[in-house]
Amino acid sequence: MWRVRAALVVGFLTSLSLPGCSPDPTGKDCSDFSYTSCEECLENIDCLWCFVEERCMKYPVEFIIPPSSICPLHEARWAVCWVNFESLIIAMSIVGGLILLPLVCCCCYCCCKFKLCCCQKKSHCPDEEEVRLARQQEERRQRNEQRKSDRSARYDEIRKKYGLIQNSEPTFRRFENE
């Protein structure tokens, strides 16, 4: 599967029309430019130049990066003579990292801000909604306590009135005949 992807990537890159790097209009094969110069070889975008053997060869489309058995990376050139594959890989990795890192950070920030993460743990600082709900719950609890104490005071007054409280003296007494 990865070979198909690699062939598609290389096919796309070869279809690009870079200035000075168009396919050879004369129809010559890449090996015809061996032992010439890098610039002449790379005029055809399908070609790969190897400085070790001063050889021009067709780019191996079955690989994204040409294997070292064909040509060492620090000696291989494609499209331009002044950039080797080793430098190209390092530069593209850095550029890719610089592009992907802010994207990942932005996605994480947006997920955490809008609580889209399903694996997110409770944060240490509550947000406005949690604070509002906690305040409302505390107010309800206080009102409930106040009603409970008022009800208890009313019941105590009634008990006291009818002498049902053991600790207090009843407000009325039975008249006894003496």
Protein backbone atom coordinates (compact mmCIF):
# COMPACT_ATOMS: atom_id res chain seq x y z
CA MET A 1 0.00 0.00 0.00
CA TRP A 2 2.82 2.41 0.86
CA ARG A 3 4.42 1.73 -2.51
CA VAL A 4 1.26 2.87 -4.24
CA ARG A 5 1.28 6.05 -2.17
CA ALA A 6 4.94 6.61 -2.92
CA ALA A 7 4.31 6.16 -6.63
CA LEU A 8 1.43 8.64 -6.45
CA VAL A 9 3.58 11.21 -4.62
CA VAL A 10 6.46 10.87 -7.04
CA GLY A 11 4.03 10.88 -9.98
CA PHE A 12 2.52 14.10 -8.67
CA LEU A 13 5.95 15.65 -8.15
CA THR A 14 7.03 14.67 -11.65
CA SER A 15 3.87 16.17 -13.10
CA LEU A 16 4.74 19.55 -11.61
CA SER A 17 6.26 21.91 -14.07
CA LEU A 18 9.15 23.53 -12.24
CA PRO A 19 11.07 26.25 -14.07
CA GLY A 20 14.07 24.71 -15.75
CA CYS A 21 13.01 21.24 -14.68
CA SER A 22 10.57 20.11 -17.32
CA PRO A 23 10.66 16.62 -18.87
CA ASP A 24 13.22 16.28 -21.62
CA PRO A 25 11.54 17.30 -24.90
CA THR A 26 14.08 15.29 -26.94
CA GLY A 27 12.85 12.04 -25.38
CA LYS A 28 16.31 10.97 -24.15
CA ASP A 29 16.57 8.47 -21.33
CA CYS A 30 18.10 9.59 -18.02
CA SER A 31 21.07 7.22 -18.43
CA ASP A 32 22.05 9.16 -21.58
CA PHE A 33 23.08 12.06 -19.30
CA SER A 34 25.51 10.00 -17.18
CA TYR A 35 29.05 11.36 -16.98
CA THR A 36 27.84 14.82 -18.02
CA SER A 37 26.86 17.44 -15.45
CA CYS A 38 24.27 17.53 -12.72
CA GLU A 39 22.47 20.47 -14.34
CA GLU A 40 22.07 18.67 -17.66
CA CYS A 41 20.77 15.53 -15.94
CA LEU A 42 18.27 17.37 -13.78
CA GLU A 43 16.77 19.29 -16.67
CA ASN A 44 14.52 16.24 -16.87
CA ILE A 45 12.42 16.04 -13.68
CA ASP A 46 12.28 12.24 -13.92
CA CYS A 47 16.04 11.95 -13.39
CA LEU A 48 18.15 11.53 -10.27
CA TRP A 49 21.83 12.53 -10.18
CA CYS A 50 24.34 10.64 -8.06
CA PHE A 51 27.63 12.45 -7.44
CA VAL A 52 29.49 9.30 -6.32
CA GLU A 53 29.47 7.68 -9.76
CA GLU A 54 28.55 10.85 -11.67
CA ARG A 55 25.61 8.90 -12.92
CA CYS A 56 22.19 10.06 -14.07
CA MET A 57 19.37 7.57 -13.51
CA LYS A 58 15.61 7.43 -13.57
CA TYR A 59 14.12 8.32 -10.18
CA PRO A 60 13.09 5.07 -8.42
CA VAL A 61 9.36 5.76 -8.10
CA GLU A 62 8.75 2.63 -6.04
CA PHE A 63 10.50 4.37 -3.12
CA ILE A 64 9.76 7.79 -1.70
CA ILE A 65 13.41 8.22 -0.82
CA PRO A 66 15.96 6.46 -3.01
CA PRO A 67 17.68 3.64 -1.10
CA SER A 68 21.36 3.92 -0.28
CA SER A 69 22.06 0.91 -2.49
CA ILE A 70 21.22 3.09 -5.50
CA CYS A 71 22.97 6.22 -4.25
CA PRO A 72 23.87 7.51 -0.75
CA LEU A 73 21.49 10.24 0.38
CA HIS A 74 24.19 12.84 0.88
CA GLU A 75 25.28 12.35 -2.74
CA ALA A 76 21.84 12.13 -4.40
CA ARG A 77 20.27 15.16 -6.09
CA TRP A 78 16.83 15.64 -7.57
CA ALA A 79 15.27 18.73 -9.19
CA VAL A 80 18.17 21.01 -8.17
CA CYS A 81 21.86 20.29 -7.82
CA TRP A 82 22.52 22.34 -4.70
CA VAL A 83 20.21 20.33 -2.34
CA ASN A 84 20.99 16.73 -1.44
CA PHE A 85 18.37 14.34 -0.13
CA GLU A 86 19.79 14.31 3.38
CA SER A 87 19.42 18.09 3.68
CA LEU A 88 16.05 17.93 1.97
CA ILE A 89 14.74 15.37 4.47
CA ILE A 90 16.00 17.40 7.43
CA ALA A 91 14.59 20.65 6.05
CA MET A 92 11.23 19.10 5.21
CA SER A 93 11.05 17.51 8.66
CA ILE A 94 11.67 20.86 10.32
CA VAL A 95 9.18 22.66 8.09
CA GLY A 96 6.62 19.90 8.62
CA GLY A 97 7.16 20.05 12.38
CA LEU A 98 6.83 23.81 12.40
CA ILE A 99 3.54 23.51 10.53
CA LEU A 100 2.14 20.56 12.49
CA LEU A 101 3.08 21.75 15.99
CA PRO A 102 0.91 24.90 15.94
CA LEU A 103 -1.94 22.94 14.34
CA VAL A 104 -1.81 20.30 17.07
CA CYS A 105 -1.55 22.97 19.78
CA CYS A 106 -4.51 24.84 18.28
CA CYS A 107 -6.60 21.67 18.12
CA CYS A 108 -5.75 20.77 21.74
CA TYR A 109 -6.54 24.31 22.89
CA CYS A 110 -9.87 24.32 21.08
CA CYS A 111 -10.79 20.86 22.38
CA CYS A 112 -9.99 21.80 25.97
CA LYS A 113 -11.64 25.21 25.74
CA PHE A 114 -14.87 23.87 24.30
CA LYS A 115 -14.69 20.56 26.23
CA LEU A 116 -14.65 18.38 23.16
CA CYS A 117 -12.14 15.95 24.65
CA CYS A 118 -13.82 12.84 26.01
CA CYS A 119 -10.75 11.92 28.04
CA GLN A 120 -10.37 15.30 29.70
CA LYS A 121 -10.05 15.28 33.49
CA LYS A 122 -11.70 17.89 35.67
CA SER A 123 -9.65 21.03 35.71
CA HIS A 124 -8.45 22.55 38.97
CA CYS A 125 -10.12 25.89 38.36
CA PRO A 126 -13.90 25.76 37.83
CA ASP A 127 -15.49 27.69 35.04
CA GLU A 128 -18.34 30.23 35.35
CA GLU A 129 -21.11 27.66 34.90
CA GLU A 130 -19.79 25.46 37.71
CA VAL A 131 -19.40 28.46 40.01
CA ARG A 132 -22.97 29.61 39.28
CA LEU A 133 -24.40 26.14 39.92
CA ALA A 134 -22.46 25.80 43.19
CA ARG A 135 -23.69 29.23 44.34
CA GLN A 136 -27.32 28.33 43.54
CA GLN A 137 -26.98 25.03 45.38
CA GLU A 138 -25.54 26.80 48.45
CA GLU A 139 -28.39 29.37 48.40
CA ARG A 140 -30.99 26.56 48.24
CA ARG A 141 -29.29 24.77 51.13
CA GLN A 142 -29.32 27.96 53.25
CA ARG A 143 -33.01 28.62 52.49
CA ASN A 144 -33.81 25.03 53.40
CA GLU A 145 -31.93 25.37 56.70
CA GLN A 146 -33.76 28.64 57.45
CA ARG A 147 -37.18 27.08 56.77
CA LYS A 148 -36.23 24.10 58.90
CA SER A 149 -35.23 26.30 61.86
CA ASP A 150 -38.40 28.43 61.49
CA ARG A 151 -40.55 25.30 61.43
CA SER A 152 -38.74 23.90 64.45
CA ALA A 153 -39.25 27.19 66.38
CA ARG A 154 -42.97 27.18 65.53
CA TYR A 155 -43.35 23.57 66.67
CA ASP A 156 -41.49 24.37 69.89
CA GLU A 157 -43.86 27.30 70.58
CA ILE A 158 -46.87 25.04 70.04
CA ARG A 159 -45.40 22.33 72.31
CA LYS A 160 -44.60 24.92 74.94
CA LYS A 161 -48.12 26.35 74.74
CA TYR A 162 -49.68 22.95 75.39
CA GLY A 163 -47.03 21.82 77.83
CA LEU A 164 -45.57 19.10 75.74
CA ILE A 165 -41.98 20.15 76.32
CA GLN A 166 -40.47 18.37 79.33
CA ASN A 167 -37.87 21.00 80.15
CA SER A 168 -40.22 23.95 80.21
CA GLU A 169 -43.06 24.70 82.58
CA PRO A 170 -46.50 24.46 81.11
CA THR A 171 -48.38 27.71 80.68
CA PHE A 172 -51.46 26.28 82.34
CA ARG A 173 -52.01 24.13 85.44
CA ARG A 174 -54.67 21.91 86.54
CA PHE A 175 -56.76 23.16 89.38
CA GLU A 176 -56.91 20.72 92.13
CA ASN A 177 -59.51 20.72 94.82
CA GLU A 178 -57.98 20.96 98.15
